Amino acid sequence: MNVFASRSLCVIEDFSINERRYFFQKVHELKEAILSGDEKTMDKFRINDPDFGIYEVFLEDSTRTKESFRNAAKFHHAKVSELLCSSSSINKGESYADTFNMLSGYSNRIFIVRSKVEGLTKWLSEECSEYAERNGLPYRPAFINAGDGKHEHPTQELLDEFSFLEDLDMSFDSIHVALVGDLYHGRTVHSKADGLKIFNHVKVDLIAPSELMMPESYIEKMNENGFEVTLYPSIEEYLRKGDVARLWYFTRPQLERMGERILQKQDVLREAITFRKDFLPLLKPGTKFYHPLPRHKEHPTIPTWLDKTDLNGWERQAINGMYCRMVLLSLIAGRIGDDYVPVPGEHDSDLKTEEYIIRVEPSGKKKDKNYSEGVRPISDGIVIDHICKGDDPGDIRTHMRLISSVLGLDDGRGGEWISTGSDGKYKGIIFRPGCRTLERKDLKRLAAVAPHCTLNIIKDGRVVEKYRTHMPPRIYNFDDLCCQNEACISNPVNGEGVPSSFIRTPDGHFACAYCGRFHSFKEIWKKH
């Protein structure tokens, strides 16, 4: 069985570490064959089917990625098509799902999509797979993310990693790399938070002034992945430290996207991340520079006088894009990959079976807390305790109003108050007198909106049921969930009706399943 056939690549983690290592071995094999003119080996990679449809849909301008994919597709002697977005009804408000479902029915097997809408390819992969099944298509269309907003650019990450590997003798043992430039906006560096996991040991130096520094969520992810991460405000300060990386990865600053305040200090910001001639003696022997290209024509972070030096790794890096994309298309088409032996459990997640609603046996005695409605103890009802323990009282009150709305507790009697525990920390308590039936879905909503709380169900003055909640591994199938990133395909502003879904991160956030944006449990809800 070929595990790569009809697979989508929406984020770099869609391919496991072992699958990516296999991929790089195949890229190395094909590149050597092309450079040596070995037609027999090249034919092993070619799809060679004029009816096999590869469709380019670039909803955002890109010359480099688009032409790289176009030439990679032509290598395969397959049917290559392009959606002209300037005249497409997509720009007239047509549903993405309807457009790509229609194109899927025309024998198009692989879609290469670039868009400002984050998470679009993941949504299309899900939607078009269901469309293919409903209509009995003999194939499942696959989607390749060619860049989506500030989210990810997985094929760029693949060609970056392959270029690194060539300068590391194809060894996956360790890497020490400096990431320089606009780390805030650059999706190519964001992809490295997971992409560099192919190496056993990873050391990353982040070089950017605070205004352009990597978003905290990606730094957290690097730390969670076991990377050794250090931050520096400028190249000059970085070179003073002594332990300088041999591999440097530059990005183009996108200051025009950051407002007038940043533009007023752009000269200072550019200086901090632009390489100068007086830095040359401070580099390690064998140092290589990389850049996803294109450079800024007036303010390149890698000046053009470096083009003819041995530091130039970016031109080979750009050429590698075509080789990597040739192999990726070959894998997804099922032309190669039969010899890959899957590693058991490489795509499994321990989160799937985790219990997060824990039932605690009540003592059966009279309740030992004075839960009351005014001065009268509650005889029947519910009490939610330990809400947002340790937060400020004002924040707790605000969140208790959200909890009441999310759980449908706004009707009838009851109230909320702030209390302190034996440790002196503030906590919220919600009480609602009267008989209420809470089903499993209600408990799931409670765990999502108030993790680490305790639910007491009281009858005849006794706690008859007691539950403790933990953060769920996944949150989905609730109509009032909402990713707060307006660039995300699941945000209502995009009008696609994509149901929001979140996955818990190791550091206790919820990441949007589509755009990857980190949220706290307080931020994943529509305004009630």
Protein backbone atom coordinates (compact mmCIF):
# COMPACT_ATOMS: atom_id res chain seq x y z
CA MET A 1 0.00 0.00 0.00
CA ASN A 2 1.31 3.46 -0.95
CA VAL A 3 0.70 5.70 2.08
CA PHE A 4 1.47 8.87 0.11
CA ALA A 5 -1.09 8.46 -2.68
CA SER A 6 -3.83 11.13 -2.63
CA ARG A 7 -2.38 12.70 0.54
CA SER A 8 -2.76 16.44 1.07
CA LEU A 9 0.07 18.61 2.36
CA CYS A 10 -1.56 21.55 4.14
CA VAL A 11 0.97 21.98 6.96
CA ILE A 12 4.44 20.51 7.30
CA GLU A 13 3.27 18.12 10.02
CA ASP A 14 0.92 16.38 7.56
CA PHE A 15 3.99 14.32 6.68
CA SER A 16 5.62 12.60 9.64
CA ILE A 17 9.32 13.01 10.42
CA ASN A 18 10.12 9.61 8.91
CA GLU A 19 8.05 10.34 5.81
CA ARG A 20 9.91 13.62 5.31
CA ARG A 21 13.27 11.89 5.70
CA TYR A 22 12.20 9.41 3.03
CA PHE A 23 11.10 12.35 0.86
CA PHE A 24 14.53 14.00 1.09
CA GLN A 25 16.27 10.78 0.10
CA LYS A 26 14.10 10.66 -3.02
CA VAL A 27 14.79 14.32 -3.84
CA HIS A 28 18.52 13.62 -3.58
CA GLU A 29 18.09 10.64 -5.90
CA LEU A 30 16.09 12.57 -8.52
CA LYS A 31 18.35 15.62 -8.45
CA GLU A 32 21.42 13.48 -9.12
CA ALA A 33 19.59 11.73 -11.95
CA ILE A 34 18.60 15.02 -13.59
CA LEU A 35 22.07 16.54 -13.27
CA SER A 36 23.67 13.41 -14.74
CA GLY A 37 21.04 12.91 -17.46
CA ASP A 38 19.92 9.52 -16.10
CA GLU A 39 16.62 9.15 -18.00
CA LYS A 40 15.90 5.67 -16.63
CA THR A 41 15.83 6.96 -13.04
CA MET A 42 13.86 10.08 -14.05
CA ASP A 43 11.17 7.89 -15.65
CA LYS A 44 10.69 6.11 -12.31
CA PHE A 45 9.48 9.42 -10.90
CA ARG A 46 7.35 10.63 -13.83
CA ILE A 47 3.56 10.27 -13.67
CA ASN A 48 3.41 9.92 -17.48
CA ASP A 49 -0.39 10.14 -17.73
CA PRO A 50 -1.85 12.91 -19.95
CA ASP A 51 -5.24 12.47 -18.23
CA PHE A 52 -3.84 13.00 -14.72
CA GLY A 53 -4.94 16.53 -13.79
CA ILE A 54 -2.73 18.93 -11.82
CA TYR A 55 -4.41 22.28 -11.19
CA GLU A 56 -2.72 25.51 -10.12
CA VAL A 57 -4.95 28.00 -8.27
CA PHE A 58 -3.04 31.08 -7.12
CA LEU A 59 -5.47 33.42 -5.39
CA GLU A 60 -2.50 35.51 -4.31
CA ASP A 61 0.33 36.63 -6.58
CA SER A 62 3.52 34.58 -6.57
CA THR A 63 5.93 34.19 -9.46
CA ARG A 64 8.58 32.00 -7.83
CA THR A 65 6.33 29.35 -6.26
CA LYS A 66 3.89 29.30 -9.16
CA GLU A 67 6.52 28.83 -11.87
CA SER A 68 8.41 26.31 -9.77
CA PHE A 69 5.29 24.16 -9.50
CA ARG A 70 4.41 24.68 -13.16
CA ASN A 71 7.79 23.41 -14.32
CA ALA A 72 7.68 20.55 -11.82
CA ALA A 73 4.27 19.52 -13.17
CA LYS A 74 5.46 19.64 -16.77
CA PHE A 75 8.28 17.22 -15.87
CA HIS A 76 5.56 14.63 -15.19
CA HIS A 77 3.92 14.79 -18.65
CA ALA A 78 0.54 15.25 -16.97
CA LYS A 79 -2.37 17.60 -17.68
CA VAL A 80 -1.52 20.98 -16.12
CA SER A 81 -4.25 23.60 -15.78
CA GLU A 82 -4.51 27.03 -14.23
CA LEU A 83 -7.49 28.87 -12.77
CA LEU A 84 -7.36 32.49 -13.91
CA CYS A 85 -8.52 34.13 -10.71
CA SER A 86 -8.80 37.58 -12.29
CA SER A 87 -11.76 36.33 -14.35
CA SER A 88 -12.98 33.60 -11.98
CA SER A 89 -16.30 33.76 -10.17
CA ILE A 90 -14.31 33.18 -6.95
CA ASN A 91 -13.76 36.93 -7.00
CA LYS A 92 -17.52 37.43 -7.36
CA GLY A 93 -18.35 35.75 -4.07
CA GLU A 94 -18.61 32.12 -5.20
CA SER A 95 -18.06 29.50 -2.51
CA TYR A 96 -14.57 28.00 -2.42
CA ALA A 97 -16.08 24.59 -1.75
CA ASP A 98 -18.40 24.75 -4.77
CA THR A 99 -15.60 25.90 -7.07
CA PHE A 100 -13.13 23.19 -6.08
CA ASN A 101 -15.78 20.46 -5.91
CA MET A 102 -16.66 21.27 -9.51
CA LEU A 103 -13.01 21.18 -10.60
CA SER A 104 -12.52 17.90 -8.71
CA GLY A 105 -15.12 16.30 -10.93
CA TYR A 106 -13.10 17.08 -14.05
CA SER A 107 -10.36 14.47 -13.43
CA ASN A 108 -8.19 16.89 -11.48
CA ARG A 109 -6.28 14.90 -8.88
CA ILE A 110 -3.91 17.44 -7.31
CA PHE A 111 -4.63 21.09 -6.53
CA ILE A 112 -1.84 23.55 -5.74
CA VAL A 113 -3.42 26.47 -3.90
CA ARG A 114 -2.01 29.77 -2.70
CA SER A 115 -4.28 32.14 -0.79
CA LYS A 116 -4.43 34.81 1.87
CA VAL A 117 -7.14 32.73 3.57
CA GLU A 118 -5.43 30.65 6.24
CA GLY A 119 -6.40 26.99 6.52
CA LEU A 120 -8.11 26.99 3.12
CA THR A 121 -6.39 23.87 1.79
CA LYS A 122 -7.23 21.87 4.92
CA TRP A 123 -10.89 22.77 4.55
CA LEU A 124 -10.90 21.99 0.83
CA SER A 125 -9.19 18.66 1.45
CA GLU A 126 -11.97 17.67 3.86
CA GLU A 127 -14.83 19.05 1.79
CA CYS A 128 -13.68 17.69 -1.59
CA SER A 129 -12.97 14.25 -0.13
CA GLU A 130 -16.61 14.06 0.98
CA TYR A 131 -17.72 15.34 -2.44
CA ALA A 132 -15.68 12.62 -4.18
CA GLU A 133 -17.20 9.94 -1.96
CA ARG A 134 -20.77 11.21 -2.45
CA ASN A 135 -20.36 11.19 -6.21
CA GLY A 136 -18.46 7.95 -6.58
CA LEU A 137 -15.29 9.48 -7.99
CA PRO A 138 -12.53 6.87 -8.37
CA TYR A 139 -9.98 9.13 -6.63
CA ARG A 140 -9.71 11.52 -3.70
CA PRO A 141 -8.41 14.96 -4.73
CA ALA A 142 -5.28 16.09 -2.90
CA PHE A 143 -4.35 19.64 -1.94
CA ILE A 144 -0.93 21.25 -1.61
CA ASN A 145 -0.66 24.46 0.37
CA ALA A 146 1.52 26.85 -1.64
CA GLY A 147 1.29 29.47 1.10
CA ASP A 148 -1.71 30.68 3.13
CA GLY A 149 -1.49 34.11 4.70
CA LYS A 150 0.86 34.26 7.69
CA HIS A 151 0.22 30.60 8.47
CA GLU A 152 2.47 28.10 6.65
CA HIS A 153 4.31 27.41 3.41
CA PRO A 154 5.11 23.68 3.71
CA THR A 155 6.67 23.15 0.28
CA GLN A 156 9.04 26.06 0.91
CA GLU A 157 9.92 24.39 4.19
CA LEU A 158 10.69 21.15 2.37
CA LEU A 159 13.05 22.82 -0.08
CA ASP A 160 14.67 24.81 2.76
CA GLU A 161 15.31 21.64 4.76
CA PHE A 162 16.68 19.83 1.71
CA SER A 163 19.08 22.73 1.08
CA PHE A 164 20.22 22.60 4.71
CA LEU A 165 20.73 18.84 4.41
CA GLU A 166 22.92 19.20 1.33
CA ASP A 167 25.25 21.40 3.38
CA LEU A 168 25.13 18.93 6.28
CA ASP A 169 26.12 15.90 4.17
CA MET A 170 22.50 14.66 4.27
CA SER A 171 22.79 14.02 8.01
CA PHE A 172 19.74 14.30 10.28
CA ASP A 173 21.85 14.33 13.44
CA SER A 174 21.87 18.03 14.33
CA ILE A 175 21.42 21.55 13.00
CA HIS A 176 22.36 25.00 14.26
CA VAL A 177 20.63 27.72 12.24
CA ALA A 178 20.17 31.48 12.59
CA LEU A 179 16.82 32.89 11.43
CA VAL A 180 17.21 36.57 10.51
CA GLY A 181 14.80 39.29 9.41
CA ASP A 182 11.04 39.69 9.62
CA LEU A 183 10.29 36.69 11.81
CA TYR A 184 6.90 38.11 12.76
CA HIS A 185 5.22 37.94 9.33
CA GLY A 186 7.36 35.30 7.64
CA ARG A 187 5.42 32.06 7.17
CA THR A 188 8.60 30.38 5.91
CA VAL A 189 10.18 30.75 9.36
CA HIS A 190 6.92 29.87 11.12
CA SER A 191 6.96 26.50 9.32
CA LYS A 192 10.36 25.78 10.88
CA ALA A 193 8.84 25.48 14.34
CA ASP A 194 7.74 21.98 13.29
CA GLY A 195 9.79 21.49 10.13
CA LEU A 196 13.17 21.32 11.87
CA LYS A 197 11.97 18.33 13.91
CA ILE A 198 13.53 16.12 11.21
CA PHE A 199 16.85 16.75 13.01
CA ASN A 200 17.66 14.93 16.24
CA HIS A 201 19.15 18.03 17.86
CA VAL A 202 18.09 21.56 16.96
CA LYS A 203 19.59 24.89 17.96
CA VAL A 204 17.88 28.03 16.65
CA ASP A 205 19.07 31.61 17.00
CA LEU A 206 16.32 34.17 16.31
CA ILE A 207 17.72 37.52 15.15
CA ALA A 208 15.26 40.40 14.89
CA PRO A 209 14.35 43.57 16.77
CA SER A 210 11.33 43.20 19.05
CA GLU A 211 8.98 44.68 16.45
CA LEU A 212 9.90 41.90 13.99
CA MET A 213 10.51 39.03 16.44
CA MET A 214 8.89 35.63 16.00
CA PRO A 215 5.36 35.45 17.51
CA GLU A 216 5.41 33.98 20.99
CA SER A 217 3.24 31.01 19.98
CA TYR A 218 5.91 29.79 17.52
CA ILE A 219 8.70 30.28 20.05
CA GLU A 220 6.64 28.24 22.52
CA LYS A 221 6.20 25.53 19.91
CA MET A 222 9.97 25.42 19.28
CA ASN A 223 10.59 25.05 23.01
CA GLU A 224 7.95 22.33 23.27
CA ASN A 225 9.68 20.50 20.41
CA GLY A 226 12.91 20.49 22.41
CA PHE A 227 14.76 23.11 20.36
CA GLU A 228 17.41 25.24 22.02
CA VAL A 229 16.18 28.76 21.24
CA THR A 230 17.99 32.07 21.81
CA LEU A 231 16.85 35.58 20.86
CA TYR A 232 19.01 38.48 19.63
CA PRO A 233 17.91 42.02 18.64
CA SER A 234 20.42 42.47 15.79
CA ILE A 235 23.09 40.76 13.68
CA GLU A 236 25.76 42.93 15.28
CA GLU A 237 24.85 41.80 18.79
CA TYR A 238 24.56 38.20 17.64
CA LEU A 239 28.09 38.17 16.19
CA ARG A 240 29.50 39.36 19.50
CA LYS A 241 28.43 36.17 21.29
CA GLY A 242 30.96 33.82 19.72
CA ASP A 243 28.85 30.67 19.15
CA VAL A 244 27.60 31.69 15.72
CA ALA A 245 25.61 29.35 13.45
CA ARG A 246 27.10 28.17 10.16
CA LEU A 247 23.69 28.23 8.45
CA TRP A 248 21.85 31.58 8.20
CA TYR A 249 18.30 31.96 6.89
CA PHE A 250 17.22 35.50 5.96
CA THR A 251 13.73 36.83 5.25
CA ARG A 252 12.47 40.01 3.65
CA PRO A 253 11.08 42.60 6.10
CA GLN A 254 7.45 43.45 5.38
CA LEU A 255 7.38 46.77 7.19
CA GLU A 256 4.69 48.15 4.90
CA ARG A 257 2.22 45.86 6.67
CA MET A 258 2.91 47.27 10.11
CA GLY A 259 1.65 50.83 10.03
CA GLU A 260 3.04 54.34 10.17
CA ARG A 261 4.73 53.98 13.57
CA ILE A 262 6.97 51.21 12.27
CA LEU A 263 7.68 52.97 8.98
CA GLN A 264 8.99 55.96 10.89
CA LYS A 265 11.77 53.80 12.33
CA GLN A 266 12.29 51.50 9.32
CA ASP A 267 15.92 52.55 8.82
CA VAL A 268 16.86 51.38 12.32
CA LEU A 269 14.93 48.12 11.92
CA ARG A 270 16.46 47.33 8.53
CA GLU A 271 19.96 48.03 9.82
CA ALA A 272 19.51 45.47 12.60
CA ILE A 273 18.84 42.62 10.14
CA THR A 274 20.99 43.57 7.11
CA PHE A 275 24.39 41.95 6.59
CA ARG A 276 27.41 44.31 6.28
CA LYS A 277 30.92 43.85 4.89
CA ASP A 278 32.54 44.41 8.28
CA PHE A 279 30.70 41.31 9.57
CA LEU A 280 32.56 38.96 7.16
CA PRO A 281 35.61 38.24 9.41
CA LEU A 282 33.26 37.16 12.23
CA LEU A 283 31.65 34.29 10.29
CA LYS A 284 32.58 30.65 10.68
CA PRO A 285 34.40 28.91 7.79
CA GLY A 286 31.91 27.22 5.48
CA THR A 287 29.01 29.51 6.40
CA LYS A 288 26.05 29.46 4.02
CA PHE A 289 23.27 32.04 3.64
CA TYR A 290 19.75 31.18 2.47
CA HIS A 291 16.75 33.30 1.50
CA PRO A 292 13.30 32.25 0.20
CA LEU A 293 13.51 35.05 -2.39
CA PRO A 294 12.75 37.50 -3.78
CA ARG A 295 14.87 40.03 -1.94
CA HIS A 296 13.77 43.62 -1.51
CA LYS A 297 15.28 45.44 -4.50
CA GLU A 298 16.15 48.60 -2.54
CA HIS A 299 16.86 47.16 0.91
CA PRO A 300 18.00 43.51 0.58
CA THR A 301 18.94 41.86 3.88
CA ILE A 302 21.51 39.90 1.85
CA PRO A 303 23.18 42.59 -0.30
CA THR A 304 23.78 41.69 -3.95
CA TRP A 305 27.56 42.05 -3.57
CA LEU A 306 27.40 38.68 -1.77
CA ASP A 307 26.01 36.89 -4.84
CA LYS A 308 29.43 35.83 -6.15
CA THR A 309 30.77 34.70 -2.76
CA ASP A 310 30.84 31.23 -1.24
CA LEU A 311 28.13 32.38 1.19
CA ASN A 312 25.57 32.09 -1.60
CA GLY A 313 23.29 29.18 -0.82
CA TRP A 314 20.06 30.92 -1.83
CA GLU A 315 20.41 30.38 -5.57
CA ARG A 316 20.84 26.62 -5.18
CA GLN A 317 18.00 26.74 -2.64
CA ALA A 318 15.68 28.31 -5.24
CA ILE A 319 16.59 25.68 -7.84
CA ASN A 320 15.96 22.94 -5.28
CA GLY A 321 12.35 24.10 -5.15
CA MET A 322 11.66 22.51 -8.51
CA TYR A 323 13.28 19.18 -7.56
CA CYS A 324 11.36 19.02 -4.27
CA ARG A 325 8.06 19.79 -5.96
CA MET A 326 8.71 17.21 -8.67
CA VAL A 327 9.12 14.54 -6.00
CA LEU A 328 6.12 15.78 -3.99
CA LEU A 329 3.84 15.48 -7.02
CA SER A 330 5.27 12.04 -7.75
CA LEU A 331 4.55 10.89 -4.19
CA ILE A 332 0.99 12.22 -4.04
CA ALA A 333 0.26 10.73 -7.48
CA GLY A 334 1.39 7.36 -6.12
CA ARG A 335 4.11 7.02 -8.73
CA ILE A 336 6.77 6.46 -6.05
CA GLY A 337 6.48 5.58 -2.38
CA ASP A 338 5.62 1.88 -2.55
CA ASP A 339 8.93 1.03 -0.89
CA TYR A 340 8.27 3.24 2.14
CA VAL A 341 7.64 1.19 5.29
CA PRO A 342 5.34 3.11 7.67
CA VAL A 343 6.41 3.41 11.28
CA PRO A 344 3.64 2.08 13.57
CA GLY A 345 1.81 4.94 15.27
CA GLU A 346 3.60 7.75 13.41
CA HIS A 347 0.28 9.53 12.75
CA ASP A 348 -1.50 8.50 15.95
CA SER A 349 -2.32 10.91 18.76
CA ASP A 350 -2.66 10.06 22.44
CA LEU A 351 -5.26 12.81 22.76
CA LYS A 352 -7.99 10.79 21.07
CA THR A 353 -8.81 8.59 24.05
CA GLU A 354 -8.03 10.96 26.90
CA GLU A 355 -10.77 11.45 29.51
CA TYR A 356 -11.27 15.04 30.57
CA ILE A 357 -14.51 14.87 32.57
CA ILE A 358 -13.80 13.01 35.80
CA ARG A 359 -16.67 11.85 37.94
CA VAL A 360 -15.90 11.96 41.65
CA GLU A 361 -17.94 9.94 44.12
CA PRO A 362 -19.67 12.34 46.54
CA SER A 363 -19.47 11.59 50.23
CA GLY A 364 -23.24 11.43 50.63
CA LYS A 365 -23.06 13.68 53.65
CA LYS A 366 -24.58 17.11 53.95
CA LYS A 367 -22.59 19.50 51.86
CA ASP A 368 -19.71 21.03 53.76
CA LYS A 369 -19.87 24.36 51.89
CA ASN A 370 -22.52 26.98 52.41
CA TYR A 371 -23.69 27.18 48.79
CA SER A 372 -26.74 29.39 49.10
CA GLU A 373 -29.26 31.50 47.28
CA GLY A 374 -28.93 34.68 49.29
CA VAL A 375 -29.25 33.48 52.90
CA ARG A 376 -31.14 30.29 52.05
CA PRO A 377 -29.08 27.13 51.38
CA ILE A 378 -29.64 25.45 48.00
CA SER A 379 -31.76 22.34 48.30
CA ASP A 380 -31.70 21.40 44.61
CA GLY A 381 -29.53 22.81 41.87
CA ILE A 382 -25.99 23.05 40.52
CA VAL A 383 -22.86 24.76 41.79
CA ILE A 384 -19.80 25.34 39.59
CA ASP A 385 -16.77 26.01 41.77
CA HIS A 386 -13.05 26.79 41.29
CA ILE A 387 -13.66 28.92 38.18
CA CYS A 388 -10.53 30.66 36.82
CA LYS A 389 -8.73 30.14 40.11
CA GLY A 390 -5.88 32.61 40.55
CA ASP A 391 -7.18 35.22 38.09
CA ASP A 392 -8.08 38.79 38.98
CA PRO A 393 -11.64 39.24 40.33
CA GLY A 394 -12.68 41.42 37.37
CA ASP A 395 -11.51 38.81 34.85
CA ILE A 396 -13.28 36.05 36.78
CA ARG A 397 -16.58 37.98 36.77
CA THR A 398 -16.30 38.60 33.02
CA HIS A 399 -15.67 34.93 32.33
CA MET A 400 -18.49 33.76 34.59
CA ARG A 401 -20.90 35.76 32.44
CA LEU A 402 -19.56 33.90 29.38
CA ILE A 403 -19.89 30.52 31.14
CA SER A 404 -23.49 31.26 32.03
CA SER A 405 -24.28 32.17 28.42
CA VAL A 406 -22.41 29.21 26.87
CA LEU A 407 -24.16 26.74 29.20
CA GLY A 408 -27.60 28.35 28.83
CA LEU A 409 -27.81 29.32 32.48
CA ASP A 410 -28.98 32.90 31.98
CA ASP A 411 -32.64 32.14 32.58
CA GLY A 412 -34.13 31.86 36.05
CA ARG A 413 -32.66 32.41 39.49
CA GLY A 414 -29.13 32.10 40.75
CA GLY A 415 -26.00 34.15 40.90
CA GLU A 416 -22.23 34.32 40.91
CA TRP A 417 -19.69 35.39 43.46
CA ILE A 418 -15.97 35.67 44.04
CA SER A 419 -14.40 33.74 46.87
CA THR A 420 -10.91 32.89 48.08
CA GLY A 421 -9.50 29.49 48.89
CA SER A 422 -7.24 28.48 51.74
CA ASP A 423 -4.30 29.58 49.60
CA GLY A 424 -5.71 33.10 49.31
CA LYS A 425 -6.28 32.88 45.55
CA TYR A 426 -9.48 34.22 44.03
CA LYS A 427 -11.93 31.87 42.35
CA GLY A 428 -15.39 32.10 40.85
CA ILE A 429 -18.54 30.26 41.89
CA ILE A 430 -21.78 29.99 39.90
CA PHE A 431 -24.91 28.63 41.55
CA ARG A 432 -28.28 27.88 40.02
CA PRO A 433 -31.12 26.53 42.18
CA GLY A 434 -33.75 24.22 40.72
CA CYS A 435 -33.70 20.88 38.97
CA ARG A 436 -31.50 20.78 35.85
CA THR A 437 -30.54 17.85 33.65
CA LEU A 438 -26.99 18.03 32.32
CA GLU A 439 -26.20 15.66 29.46
CA ARG A 440 -22.78 14.57 28.23
CA LYS A 441 -22.68 17.39 25.65
CA ASP A 442 -23.33 19.91 28.45
CA LEU A 443 -20.41 18.53 30.42
CA LYS A 444 -18.21 18.81 27.32
CA ARG A 445 -19.19 22.46 26.95
CA LEU A 446 -18.41 23.03 30.62
CA ALA A 447 -14.97 21.47 30.26
CA ALA A 448 -14.29 23.64 27.21
CA VAL A 449 -15.38 26.94 28.72
CA ALA A 450 -14.32 26.28 32.34
CA PRO A 451 -11.50 23.71 32.54
CA HIS A 452 -10.24 22.83 36.02
CA CYS A 453 -13.58 23.67 37.63
CA THR A 454 -15.74 21.43 39.84
CA LEU A 455 -19.42 20.79 39.13
CA ASN A 456 -21.67 19.84 42.05
CA ILE A 457 -25.21 18.56 41.43
CA ILE A 458 -27.30 18.99 44.57
CA LYS A 459 -30.52 17.20 45.49
CA ASP A 460 -32.26 17.40 48.87
CA GLY A 461 -29.36 19.41 50.21
CA ARG A 462 -26.74 16.81 49.30
CA VAL A 463 -24.13 16.62 46.55
CA VAL A 464 -25.30 13.58 44.60
CA GLU A 465 -22.99 13.98 41.60
CA LYS A 466 -19.60 15.65 41.39
CA TYR A 467 -17.38 16.22 38.36
CA ARG A 468 -13.93 17.73 37.84
CA THR A 469 -13.05 19.04 34.40
CA HIS A 470 -9.76 19.21 32.52
CA MET A 471 -8.94 20.86 29.20
CA PRO A 472 -10.37 18.70 26.41
CA PRO A 473 -7.87 17.45 23.80
CA ARG A 474 -10.21 18.69 21.05
CA ILE A 475 -13.16 21.09 20.86
CA TYR A 476 -15.56 20.84 17.92
CA ASN A 477 -19.22 20.39 16.91
CA PHE A 478 -20.39 23.48 18.85
CA ASP A 479 -22.10 26.18 16.79
CA ASP A 480 -20.84 28.99 19.01
CA LEU A 481 -17.12 28.21 18.65
CA CYS A 482 -15.12 30.80 16.73
CA CYS A 483 -11.50 31.24 15.72
CA GLN A 484 -10.68 34.88 16.38
CA ASN A 485 -8.35 35.13 13.36
CA GLU A 486 -10.32 36.91 10.63
CA ALA A 487 -7.92 35.52 8.01
CA CYS A 488 -8.93 31.96 8.96
CA ILE A 489 -11.26 30.01 6.68
CA SER A 490 -13.39 29.11 9.72
CA ASN A 491 -13.96 32.72 10.82
CA PRO A 492 -17.54 33.84 9.96
CA VAL A 493 -16.22 36.90 8.10
CA ASN A 494 -15.17 34.55 5.25
CA GLY A 495 -18.71 33.26 4.80
CA GLU A 496 -17.80 29.64 4.07
CA GLY A 497 -19.71 28.12 6.97
CA VAL A 498 -16.67 26.14 8.10
CA PRO A 499 -17.26 24.76 11.61
CA SER A 500 -14.57 25.87 14.04
CA SER A 501 -12.41 23.20 15.60
CA PHE A 502 -9.58 23.45 18.13
CA ILE A 503 -6.79 21.17 19.34
CA ARG A 504 -5.15 21.51 22.75
CA THR A 505 -1.45 22.40 22.76
CA PRO A 506 1.08 21.07 25.28
CA ASP A 507 1.27 24.47 26.99
CA GLY A 508 -2.48 24.66 27.62
CA HIS A 509 -3.75 26.70 24.67
CA PHE A 510 -6.25 25.75 21.99
CA ALA A 511 -4.86 25.90 18.45
CA CYS A 512 -7.29 26.39 15.58
CA ALA A 513 -7.35 23.20 13.50
CA TYR A 514 -7.28 25.28 10.31
CA CYS A 515 -5.02 28.32 10.78
CA GLY A 516 -3.06 27.19 13.85
CA ARG A 517 -3.77 30.41 15.79
CA PHE A 518 -3.35 29.94 19.54
CA HIS A 519 -6.31 30.84 21.80
CA SER A 520 -6.99 30.59 25.51
CA PHE A 521 -10.13 28.71 26.55
CA LYS A 522 -11.73 32.13 27.11
CA GLU A 523 -11.19 33.17 23.47
CA ILE A 524 -12.69 30.31 21.44
CA TRP A 525 -16.31 31.46 21.66
CA LYS A 526 -18.46 33.79 19.58
CA LYS A 527 -19.65 36.86 21.40
CA HIS A 528 -22.71 35.86 23.41
